[in-house]
């Protein structure tokens, strides 16, 4: 499941086209337990891996469907999430030439798009889950123009209007409504 056997990669590359349930990816299973999110479709994965010397170049796309709650009006809705990515897999035991980093600052693998692997296969489970997580919206909205809830009565302003009066007493800028400026003279 979501592994690339390195010996199977030929000159033309290696193709992975697979669907996996989100609960089988530990990061996504944990996210759905902790957050108000539910995966409603399997995670579709399409990956092309090619050899480039001792490294493996991986390009792919992932997509799935999630059930979220709007951050403004709290209405549940479904959203299609997708992400395209590119990552370079390097053997954990690979050494760089001695003169490769002369005078340079060394970056750790987690500071660039590098995936370390050991053995004769590359496990992509964590990388796929991270791509889905990064594609999720920080503040999910049911629609782009969501009006949210009334802060006084709690009415969903997308479905109806409420009769609450707007109170500017708590707003420090409300005094600017009555400010009159002198006319500009030329």
C-alpha atoms as a PDB file:
ATOM      1  CA  UNK A   1       0.000   0.000   0.000  1.00  0.00           C
ATOM      2  CA  UNK A   2       1.450   3.331  -1.159  1.00  0.00           C
ATOM      3  CA  UNK A   3       4.993   2.026  -1.476  1.00  0.00           C
ATOM      4  CA  UNK A   4       7.386   2.298  -4.371  1.00  0.00           C
ATOM      5  CA  UNK A   5       9.690  -0.696  -4.860  1.00  0.00           C
ATOM      6  CA  UNK A   6      12.903   0.947  -6.045  1.00  0.00           C
ATOM      7  CA  UNK A   7      14.008  -2.003  -8.185  1.00  0.00           C
ATOM      8  CA  UNK A   8      10.761  -1.751 -10.172  1.00  0.00           C
ATOM      9  CA  UNK A   9      11.481   1.770 -11.407  1.00  0.00           C
ATOM     10  CA  UNK A  10      12.552   1.574 -15.040  1.00  0.00           C
ATOM     11  CA  UNK A  11      13.763   4.274 -17.414  1.00  0.00           C
ATOM     12  CA  UNK A  12      10.188   5.153 -18.332  1.00  0.00           C
ATOM     13  CA  UNK A  13       9.318   5.548 -14.658  1.00  0.00           C
ATOM     14  CA  UNK A  14       6.964   3.762 -12.311  1.00  0.00           C
ATOM     15  CA  UNK A  15       3.265   4.573 -12.038  1.00  0.00           C
ATOM     16  CA  UNK A  16       1.125   4.216  -8.919  1.00  0.00           C
ATOM     17  CA  UNK A  17      -2.600   4.763  -9.283  1.00  0.00           C
ATOM     18  CA  UNK A  18      -4.397   3.703  -6.125  1.00  0.00           C
ATOM     19  CA  UNK A  19      -7.333   4.508  -3.859  1.00  0.00           C
ATOM     20  CA  UNK A  20      -6.903   4.095  -0.115  1.00  0.00           C
ATOM     21  CA  UNK A  21      -9.306   4.709   2.757  1.00  0.00           C
ATOM     22  CA  UNK A  22      -8.288   7.701   4.893  1.00  0.00           C
ATOM     23  CA  UNK A  23      -8.494   5.624   8.088  1.00  0.00           C
ATOM     24  CA  UNK A  24      -5.583   3.512   6.786  1.00  0.00           C
ATOM     25  CA  UNK A  25      -3.322   6.586   6.817  1.00  0.00           C
ATOM     26  CA  UNK A  26      -2.415   7.218  10.486  1.00  0.00           C
ATOM     27  CA  UNK A  27      -2.200  11.036  10.227  1.00  0.00           C
ATOM     28  CA  UNK A  28      -5.629  11.300   8.576  1.00  0.00           C
ATOM     29  CA  UNK A  29      -7.199   8.792  10.979  1.00  0.00           C
ATOM     30  CA  UNK A  30      -5.929  10.842  13.928  1.00  0.00           C
ATOM     31  CA  UNK A  31      -7.130  14.096  12.352  1.00  0.00           C
ATOM     32  CA  UNK A  32     -10.649  12.752  11.846  1.00  0.00           C
ATOM     33  CA  UNK A  33     -10.781  11.642  15.495  1.00  0.00           C
ATOM     34  CA  UNK A  34      -9.620  15.000  16.886  1.00  0.00           C
ATOM     35  CA  UNK A  35     -11.246  17.502  14.528  1.00  0.00           C
ATOM     36  CA  UNK A  36     -14.724  18.044  13.137  1.00  0.00           C
ATOM     37  CA  UNK A  37     -13.768  16.475   9.824  1.00  0.00           C
ATOM     38  CA  UNK A  38     -14.857  13.267   8.147  1.00  0.00           C
ATOM     39  CA  UNK A  39     -13.402  11.768   4.986  1.00  0.00           C
ATOM     40  CA  UNK A  40     -16.315  10.824   2.711  1.00  0.00           C
ATOM     41  CA  UNK A  41     -14.316   9.466  -0.233  1.00  0.00           C
ATOM     42  CA  UNK A  42     -11.195   7.335  -0.482  1.00  0.00           C
ATOM     43  CA  UNK A  43      -7.920   9.175  -1.058  1.00  0.00           C
ATOM     44  CA  UNK A  44      -7.108   8.858  -4.765  1.00  0.00           C
ATOM     45  CA  UNK A  45      -3.357   8.795  -5.394  1.00  0.00           C
ATOM     46  CA  UNK A  46      -1.596   9.067  -8.743  1.00  0.00           C
ATOM     47  CA  UNK A  47       2.195   9.079  -8.661  1.00  0.00           C
ATOM     48  CA  UNK A  48       4.989   8.858 -11.221  1.00  0.00           C
ATOM     49  CA  UNK A  49       8.445   7.954  -9.876  1.00  0.00           C
ATOM     50  CA  UNK A  50      11.621   8.231 -11.940  1.00  0.00           C
ATOM     51  CA  UNK A  51      15.234   7.482 -11.125  1.00  0.00           C
ATOM     52  CA  UNK A  52      17.728  10.321 -11.215  1.00  0.00           C
ATOM     53  CA  UNK A  53      21.062   8.814 -10.289  1.00  0.00           C
ATOM     54  CA  UNK A  54      20.748   7.622  -6.702  1.00  0.00           C
ATOM     55  CA  UNK A  55      17.640   9.674  -5.989  1.00  0.00           C
ATOM     56  CA  UNK A  56      14.033   9.066  -6.917  1.00  0.00           C
ATOM     57  CA  UNK A  57      11.957  11.954  -8.249  1.00  0.00           C
ATOM     58  CA  UNK A  58       8.305  11.615  -7.276  1.00  0.00           C
ATOM     59  CA  UNK A  59       5.554  13.709  -8.811  1.00  0.00           C
ATOM     60  CA  UNK A  60       1.964  13.156  -7.960  1.00  0.00           C
ATOM     61  CA  UNK A  61      -1.501  14.318  -7.184  1.00  0.00           C
ATOM     62  CA  UNK A  62      -3.918  13.334  -4.457  1.00  0.00           C
ATOM     63  CA  UNK A  63      -7.591  14.101  -3.987  1.00  0.00           C
ATOM     64  CA  UNK A  64     -10.421  13.140  -1.690  1.00  0.00           C
ATOM     65  CA  UNK A  65     -13.750  14.389  -0.380  1.00  0.00           C
ATOM     66  CA  UNK A  66     -14.193  15.689   3.153  1.00  0.00           C
ATOM     67  CA  UNK A  67     -17.183  16.649   5.287  1.00  0.00           C
ATOM     68  CA  UNK A  68     -16.474  19.886   7.190  1.00  0.00           C
ATOM     69  CA  UNK A  69     -18.300  22.504   9.217  1.00  0.00           C
ATOM     70  CA  UNK A  70     -18.348  26.127   8.028  1.00  0.00           C
ATOM     71  CA  UNK A  71     -16.244  28.354  10.260  1.00  0.00           C
ATOM     72  CA  UNK A  72     -18.766  31.232   9.981  1.00  0.00           C
ATOM     73  CA  UNK A  73     -22.246  29.666  10.096  1.00  0.00           C
ATOM     74  CA  UNK A  74     -21.450  26.149  11.404  1.00  0.00           C
ATOM     75  CA  UNK A  75     -23.371  24.489   8.553  1.00  0.00           C
ATOM     76  CA  UNK A  76     -21.943  21.096   7.538  1.00  0.00           C
ATOM     77  CA  UNK A  77     -20.834  20.795   3.914  1.00  0.00           C
ATOM     78  CA  UNK A  78     -18.749  18.575   1.625  1.00  0.00           C
ATOM     79  CA  UNK A  79     -15.572  19.760  -0.057  1.00  0.00           C
ATOM     80  CA  UNK A  80     -13.308  18.194  -2.683  1.00  0.00           C
ATOM     81  CA  UNK A  81      -9.667  18.521  -1.659  1.00  0.00           C
ATOM     82  CA  UNK A  82      -6.789  18.029  -4.045  1.00  0.00           C
ATOM     83  CA  UNK A  83      -3.076  18.687  -4.147  1.00  0.00           C
ATOM     84  CA  UNK A  84      -0.272  18.314  -6.663  1.00  0.00           C
ATOM     85  CA  UNK A  85       3.205  17.760  -5.281  1.00  0.00           C
ATOM     86  CA  UNK A  86       6.774  16.928  -6.122  1.00  0.00           C
ATOM     87  CA  UNK A  87       9.303  15.380  -3.761  1.00  0.00           C
ATOM     88  CA  UNK A  88      12.778  13.864  -4.035  1.00  0.00           C
ATOM     89  CA  UNK A  89      13.450  10.599  -2.218  1.00  0.00           C
ATOM     90  CA  UNK A  90      16.991  10.012  -1.006  1.00  0.00           C
ATOM     91  CA  UNK A  91      18.398   6.939   0.703  1.00  0.00           C
ATOM     92  CA  UNK A  92      18.976   7.691   4.396  1.00  0.00           C
ATOM     93  CA  UNK A  93      22.481   6.237   4.136  1.00  0.00           C
ATOM     94  CA  UNK A  94      23.464   8.280   1.057  1.00  0.00           C
ATOM     95  CA  UNK A  95      26.465  10.503   1.586  1.00  0.00           C
ATOM     96  CA  UNK A  96      27.100  13.785  -0.147  1.00  0.00           C
ATOM     97  CA  UNK A  97      30.466  14.435  -1.792  1.00  0.00           C
ATOM     98  CA  UNK A  98      32.916  16.169   0.560  1.00  0.00           C
ATOM     99  CA  UNK A  99      33.108  19.311  -1.587  1.00  0.00           C
ATOM    100  CA  UNK A 100      29.330  19.608  -2.113  1.00  0.00           C
ATOM    101  CA  UNK A 101      28.685  21.844   0.886  1.00  0.00           C
ATOM    102  CA  UNK A 102      31.953  23.779   1.261  1.00  0.00           C
ATOM    103  CA  UNK A 103      31.028  27.162   2.720  1.00  0.00           C
ATOM    104  CA  UNK A 104      27.324  26.343   2.618  1.00  0.00           C
ATOM    105  CA  UNK A 105      24.797  25.874   5.407  1.00  0.00           C
ATOM    106  CA  UNK A 106      23.457  22.355   5.564  1.00  0.00           C
ATOM    107  CA  UNK A 107      19.688  21.979   5.419  1.00  0.00           C
ATOM    108  CA  UNK A 108      17.904  19.203   7.226  1.00  0.00           C
ATOM    109  CA  UNK A 109      15.670  16.889   5.170  1.00  0.00           C
ATOM    110  CA  UNK A 110      12.510  18.364   6.728  1.00  0.00           C
ATOM    111  CA  UNK A 111      13.517  21.841   5.526  1.00  0.00           C
ATOM    112  CA  UNK A 112      13.223  20.914   1.843  1.00  0.00           C
ATOM    113  CA  UNK A 113      11.103  18.608  -0.256  1.00  0.00           C
ATOM    114  CA  UNK A 114      13.215  15.556   0.515  1.00  0.00           C
ATOM    115  CA  UNK A 115      11.863  12.223   1.659  1.00  0.00           C
ATOM    116  CA  UNK A 116      14.384   9.916   3.329  1.00  0.00           C
ATOM    117  CA  UNK A 117      13.941   6.184   2.885  1.00  0.00           C
ATOM    118  CA  UNK A 118      15.779   3.066   3.901  1.00  0.00           C
ATOM    119  CA  UNK A 119      15.667  -0.405   2.440  1.00  0.00           C
ATOM    120  CA  UNK A 120      14.489  -1.245  -1.042  1.00  0.00           C
ATOM    121  CA  UNK A 121      11.153   0.610  -1.052  1.00  0.00           C
ATOM    122  CA  UNK A 122       9.770   4.071  -0.349  1.00  0.00           C
ATOM    123  CA  UNK A 123       6.717   4.373   1.903  1.00  0.00           C
ATOM    124  CA  UNK A 124       4.565   7.304   0.780  1.00  0.00           C
ATOM    125  CA  UNK A 125       1.804   7.020   3.420  1.00  0.00           C
ATOM    126  CA  UNK A 126       2.967   9.948   5.529  1.00  0.00           C
ATOM    127  CA  UNK A 127       3.754  12.156   2.529  1.00  0.00           C
ATOM    128  CA  UNK A 128       0.283  11.540   1.039  1.00  0.00           C
ATOM    129  CA  UNK A 129      -1.434  12.327   4.361  1.00  0.00           C
ATOM    130  CA  UNK A 130       0.607  15.519   4.748  1.00  0.00           C
ATOM    131  CA  UNK A 131      -0.386  16.663   1.256  1.00  0.00           C
ATOM    132  CA  UNK A 132      -4.087  16.202   2.089  1.00  0.00           C
ATOM    133  CA  UNK A 133      -3.706  18.024   5.418  1.00  0.00           C
ATOM    134  CA  UNK A 134      -1.925  20.975   3.758  1.00  0.00           C
ATOM    135  CA  UNK A 135      -4.705  21.208   1.152  1.00  0.00           C
ATOM    136  CA  UNK A 136      -7.441  21.514   3.797  1.00  0.00           C
ATOM    137  CA  UNK A 137      -8.693  25.090   4.286  1.00  0.00           C
ATOM    138  CA  UNK A 138      -7.680  26.819   7.522  1.00  0.00           C
ATOM    139  CA  UNK A 139     -11.117  28.429   7.852  1.00  0.00           C
ATOM    140  CA  UNK A 140     -13.536  26.286   5.837  1.00  0.00           C
ATOM    141  CA  UNK A 141     -16.459  28.175   4.280  1.00  0.00           C
ATOM    142  CA  UNK A 142     -19.656  26.603   2.965  1.00  0.00           C
ATOM    143  CA  UNK A 143     -19.750  29.342   0.288  1.00  0.00           C
ATOM    144  CA  UNK A 144     -17.305  32.154  -0.360  1.00  0.00           C
ATOM    145  CA  UNK A 145     -19.924  34.795   0.526  1.00  0.00           C
ATOM    146  CA  UNK A 146     -21.083  33.158   3.784  1.00  0.00           C
ATOM    147  CA  UNK A 147     -22.588  35.822   6.092  1.00  0.00           C
ATOM    148  CA  UNK A 148     -22.203  33.736   9.256  1.00  0.00           C
ATOM    149  CA  UNK A 149     -24.325  33.937  12.382  1.00  0.00           C
ATOM    150  CA  UNK A 150     -25.822  37.003  14.083  1.00  0.00           C
ATOM    151  CA  UNK A 151     -23.614  37.771  17.076  1.00  0.00           C
ATOM    152  CA  UNK A 152     -26.672  38.636  19.178  1.00  0.00           C
ATOM    153  CA  UNK A 153     -29.429  36.115  18.406  1.00  0.00           C
ATOM    154  CA  UNK A 154     -27.443  33.409  16.599  1.00  0.00           C
ATOM    155  CA  UNK A 155     -29.601  33.422  13.438  1.00  0.00           C
ATOM    156  CA  UNK A 156     -27.994  32.043  10.293  1.00  0.00           C
ATOM    157  CA  UNK A 157     -27.728  35.205   8.166  1.00  0.00           C
ATOM    158  CA  UNK A 158     -27.478  33.137   4.964  1.00  0.00           C
ATOM    159  CA  UNK A 159     -31.029  31.838   5.438  1.00  0.00           C
ATOM    160  CA  UNK A 160     -32.812  34.771   7.046  1.00  0.00           C
ATOM    161  CA  UNK A 161     -32.348  38.264   8.351  1.00  0.00           C
ATOM    162  CA  UNK A 162     -32.728  38.987  12.010  1.00  0.00           C
ATOM    163  CA  UNK A 163     -34.303  42.018  13.663  1.00  0.00           C
ATOM    164  CA  UNK A 164     -31.413  42.692  16.003  1.00  0.00           C
ATOM    165  CA  UNK A 165     -30.149  46.248  16.121  1.00  0.00           C
ATOM    166  CA  UNK A 166     -26.522  46.653  15.442  1.00  0.00           C
ATOM    167  CA  UNK A 167     -24.774  47.956  18.494  1.00  0.00           C
ATOM    168  CA  UNK A 168     -21.665  49.976  17.971  1.00  0.00           C
ATOM    169  CA  UNK A 169     -21.098  50.588  21.685  1.00  0.00           C
ATOM    170  CA  UNK A 170     -18.383  47.963  21.859  1.00  0.00           C
ATOM    171  CA  UNK A 171     -16.713  49.189  18.696  1.00  0.00           C
ATOM    172  CA  UNK A 172     -14.037  51.822  19.367  1.00  0.00           C
ATOM    173  CA  UNK A 173     -14.395  53.103  15.787  1.00  0.00           C
ATOM    174  CA  UNK A 174     -18.111  53.863  16.099  1.00  0.00           C
ATOM    175  CA  UNK A 175     -17.322  57.484  17.046  1.00  0.00           C
ATOM    176  CA  UNK A 176     -15.963  58.009  13.534  1.00  0.00           C
ATOM    177  CA  UNK A 177     -19.486  57.779  12.087  1.00  0.00           C
ATOM    178  CA  UNK A 178     -20.341  61.222  13.398  1.00  0.00           C
ATOM    179  CA  UNK A 179     -16.993  62.817  12.651  1.00  0.00           C
ATOM    180  CA  UNK A 180     -17.209  65.773  10.323  1.00  0.00           C
ATOM    181  CA  UNK A 181     -14.073  66.928   8.595  1.00  0.00           C
ATOM    182  CA  UNK A 182     -13.537  70.394   7.193  1.00  0.00           C
ATOM    183  CA  UNK A 183     -13.895  70.702   3.466  1.00  0.00           C
ATOM    184  CA  UNK A 184     -10.720  70.540   1.511  1.00  0.00           C
ATOM    185  CA  UNK A 185      -9.649  73.928   0.135  1.00  0.00           C
ATOM    186  CA  UNK A 186      -7.449  74.311  -2.875  1.00  0.00           C
END
